[in-house]
Protein backbone atom coordinates (compact mmCIF):
# COMPACT_ATOMS: atom_id res chain seq x y z
CA MET A 1 -95.03 141.00 106.92
CA SER A 2 -94.94 137.54 104.63
CA VAL A 3 -97.75 135.21 105.47
CA GLN A 4 -95.88 131.44 105.59
CA LEU A 5 -98.31 128.90 104.01
CA THR A 6 -95.79 126.27 105.29
CA ASN A 7 -93.41 125.96 108.18
CA ARG A 8 -90.89 123.94 106.22
CA SER A 9 -88.84 127.56 105.92
CA LYS A 10 -86.29 128.36 107.88
CA PRO A 11 -85.23 131.60 108.68
CA VAL A 12 -81.29 131.77 107.76
CA ASP A 13 -78.62 132.69 109.97
CA ARG A 14 -76.16 135.29 109.19
CA ARG A 15 -73.74 136.01 112.22
CA PRO A 16 -70.48 134.98 111.73
CA MET A 17 -69.26 131.62 112.37
CA ASN A 18 -66.78 130.87 115.59
CA TRP A 19 -64.08 128.38 115.35
CA VAL A 20 -65.86 125.06 115.82
CA GLU A 21 -68.22 125.77 112.85
CA ARG A 22 -65.33 126.96 111.17
CA MET A 23 -63.74 123.63 110.95
CA TYR A 24 -66.92 121.88 109.95
CA LEU A 25 -65.98 118.77 111.92
CA VAL A 26 -69.80 118.84 113.41
CA ASN A 27 -71.04 118.81 110.28
CA ILE A 28 -69.29 115.94 109.07
CA PHE A 29 -70.59 114.13 111.96
CA LYS A 30 -73.82 114.84 111.10
CA GLY A 31 -73.27 113.56 107.91
CA MET A 32 -71.15 110.33 108.81
CA ALA A 33 -74.08 108.95 111.47
CA ILE A 34 -76.85 109.78 108.40
CA THR A 35 -74.80 107.69 105.86
CA LEU A 36 -74.24 105.00 109.17
CA LYS A 37 -77.99 104.86 109.57
CA HIS A 38 -78.67 104.21 106.18
CA PHE A 39 -75.83 101.53 105.57
CA PHE A 40 -77.91 99.29 107.88
CA LYS A 41 -81.32 100.05 106.61
CA LYS A 42 -82.82 97.37 104.14
CA LYS A 43 -81.74 97.72 100.52
CA PRO A 44 -84.67 99.18 98.30
CA THR A 45 -83.22 97.96 95.13
CA VAL A 46 -84.53 95.48 93.12
CA GLN A 47 -82.42 92.60 91.54
CA TYR A 48 -84.56 92.84 88.21
CA PRO A 49 -83.99 88.74 86.34
CA GLU A 50 -83.85 87.34 89.51
CA GLU A 51 -86.96 89.45 91.33
CA THR A 52 -89.59 91.33 90.04
CA ARG A 53 -91.41 94.38 91.65
CA PRO A 54 -95.10 94.16 92.24
CA PHE A 55 -97.06 96.20 89.95
CA SER A 56 -100.01 98.06 90.72
CA LYS A 57 -103.16 96.84 89.70
CA VAL A 58 -104.09 99.95 87.65
CA PHE A 59 -100.09 99.18 86.03
CA ARG A 60 -100.66 99.40 81.83
CA GLY A 61 -98.33 97.67 80.07
CA LEU A 62 -97.62 96.40 76.51
CA HIS A 63 -100.77 96.55 74.26
CA ILE A 64 -101.78 93.24 73.19
CA LEU A 65 -104.14 92.51 70.12
CA ASN A 66 -106.84 89.96 71.00
CA ARG A 67 -108.06 86.34 68.83
CA ASP A 68 -111.13 84.69 69.67
CA GLU A 69 -111.02 80.76 70.77
CA GLU A 70 -110.98 79.86 67.06
CA GLY A 71 -107.82 82.09 66.47
CA ARG A 72 -109.84 84.64 64.63
CA GLU A 73 -108.69 88.14 64.88
CA ARG A 74 -111.16 90.54 66.68
CA CYS A 75 -110.19 93.36 65.14
CA THR A 76 -112.50 95.27 62.94
CA ALA A 77 -110.27 98.33 61.79
CA CYS A 78 -113.28 100.73 63.01
CA GLY A 79 -110.67 103.11 63.70
CA LEU A 80 -112.06 103.70 67.20
CA CYS A 81 -108.53 103.30 68.83
CA ALA A 82 -106.50 105.63 66.98
CA VAL A 83 -109.94 108.05 67.29
CA ALA A 84 -109.67 108.20 71.19
CA CYS A 85 -105.76 108.03 71.41
CA PRO A 86 -104.64 111.59 72.48
CA ALA A 87 -101.10 110.90 71.22
CA GLU A 88 -101.85 109.92 67.64
CA ALA A 89 -99.76 106.87 68.28
CA ILE A 90 -101.67 103.86 66.31
CA THR A 91 -102.45 103.80 62.72
CA MET A 92 -104.33 101.61 60.81
CA GLU A 93 -105.90 100.61 57.08
CA ALA A 94 -108.87 98.78 57.04
CA ALA A 95 -109.68 95.99 54.08
CA GLU A 96 -112.43 93.64 52.90
CA ARG A 97 -112.13 90.09 54.12
CA GLN A 98 -112.08 87.60 50.79
CA GLU A 99 -113.16 84.60 50.01
CA GLY A 100 -111.90 81.09 52.41
CA GLU A 101 -110.38 83.99 54.76
CA GLU A 102 -113.45 83.55 57.09
CA ASN A 103 -111.73 81.54 59.37
CA LEU A 104 -108.79 84.08 59.72
CA TYR A 105 -111.06 87.26 60.89
CA ARG A 106 -113.93 87.61 62.38
CA GLU A 107 -116.10 90.16 60.66
CA GLU A 108 -115.94 91.44 57.00
CA LYS A 109 -113.73 94.40 57.65
CA TYR A 110 -110.42 93.52 59.41
CA ALA A 111 -107.13 95.18 60.18
CA ALA A 112 -104.37 95.26 57.32
CA LYS A 113 -102.46 97.16 58.94
CA TYR A 114 -102.18 98.08 62.49
CA GLU A 115 -99.25 100.01 64.20
CA ILE A 116 -98.69 101.44 67.79
CA ASN A 117 -95.70 104.24 67.68
CA MET A 118 -94.30 103.36 71.51
CA LEU A 119 -92.21 106.57 71.53
CA ARG A 120 -95.82 108.58 71.36
CA CYS A 121 -98.10 106.32 73.26
CA ILE A 122 -98.47 107.46 76.95
CA PHE A 123 -100.11 104.65 77.86
CA CYS A 124 -103.60 105.99 78.88
CA GLY A 125 -105.91 102.99 78.09
CA TYR A 126 -108.52 105.03 76.08
CA CYS A 127 -107.54 102.54 72.90
CA GLU A 128 -109.11 100.07 75.12
CA GLU A 129 -111.61 101.48 76.77
CA ALA A 130 -112.60 102.18 73.23
CA CYS A 131 -112.95 99.68 71.60
CA PRO A 132 -116.11 97.86 71.24
CA LYS A 133 -114.85 94.16 70.12
CA ASP A 134 -112.02 93.69 72.87
CA ALA A 135 -109.59 94.01 70.60
CA ILE A 136 -107.24 95.35 72.68
CA TYR A 137 -105.93 95.43 75.87
CA LEU A 138 -103.03 96.95 77.90
CA SER A 139 -101.36 93.87 79.33
CA GLN A 140 -99.40 93.68 82.53
CA THR A 141 -96.34 93.17 80.61
CA PHE A 142 -93.20 96.03 80.41
CA THR A 143 -92.41 96.97 77.25
CA PRO A 144 -89.05 95.93 76.11
CA SER A 145 -86.17 98.56 75.85
CA ASN A 146 -84.59 98.87 72.61
CA TYR A 147 -81.81 100.78 70.57
CA THR A 148 -83.23 102.02 67.08
CA ARG A 149 -86.67 104.46 66.73
CA LYS A 150 -87.62 101.34 64.53
CA GLY A 151 -87.84 99.06 67.02
CA PHE A 152 -90.51 101.14 69.07
CA ILE A 153 -93.04 100.66 66.49
CA TYR A 154 -94.63 97.58 66.84
CA LYS A 155 -96.93 95.67 63.80
CA LYS A 156 -99.57 93.67 64.08
CA GLU A 157 -97.61 90.89 64.18
CA ASP A 158 -95.92 91.82 67.34
CA LEU A 159 -99.30 92.43 69.27
CA LEU A 160 -101.38 89.96 68.52
CA ILE A 161 -101.45 87.00 70.99
CA PRO A 162 -100.87 83.84 69.67
CA ASN A 163 -103.15 81.19 67.69
CA PRO A 164 -105.10 79.13 70.47
CA LEU A 165 -105.06 76.25 67.03
CA THR A 166 -100.79 76.17 66.78
CA ASP A 167 -100.13 77.68 70.01
CA PRO A 168 -102.79 76.62 72.80
CA GLU A 169 -100.50 77.16 75.66
CA GLY A 170 -99.06 80.71 74.71
CA PHE A 171 -102.97 81.03 73.99
CA LYS A 172 -103.69 80.46 77.42
CA LYS A 173 -100.75 82.53 79.12
CA ALA A 174 -101.97 85.39 77.09
CA GLN A 175 -105.67 85.17 77.75
CA GLY A 176 -104.40 85.15 81.20
CA GLU A 177 -102.47 88.39 80.77
CA ILE A 178 -106.15 89.58 79.48
CA GLN A 179 -107.53 88.23 82.20
CA GLN A 180 -105.11 90.30 84.67
CA ALA A 181 -106.23 93.82 82.54
CA LYS A 182 -109.99 93.69 82.50
CA GLU A 183 -109.23 92.50 86.58
CA THR A 184 -107.73 95.93 87.01
CA ILE A 185 -110.26 97.88 85.12
């Protein structure tokens, strides 16, 4: 005797079919009824460029590197985001701030090279949680598609938000995305 865990299983009827069942007309009409029922339902398709679907509050999208209000990079190349990444998608190289670069970097040390391989990234958000300087965030923006593997490796220039001194509107827009990301966490 077998024990059923769910009531989804149905016993198979092995008796021979009569002439009405062999014509399959009943089954064809059942299938057409299902098709007609779905034909008049509201379509679930979203016409993407014109419409955007609503995201959940915990959606994690494109990574961004943050700046402070003076336009200096927040990242100090501590490497905690790279260590926390389970997919090992983040690579960075640190450099020392030179004389006269105080307006570019907040701390003595900065990330000279910062890359994220989006083909490896699993959008877990550990990099965001590990960063002590609030330098990296996962925004509410989709990661754009690309045709080459090199196009999925984002460099520091691709990830940095606009400088507030040279592009104040772009900075405010990016800050709005950061605030949305902070509120969802």
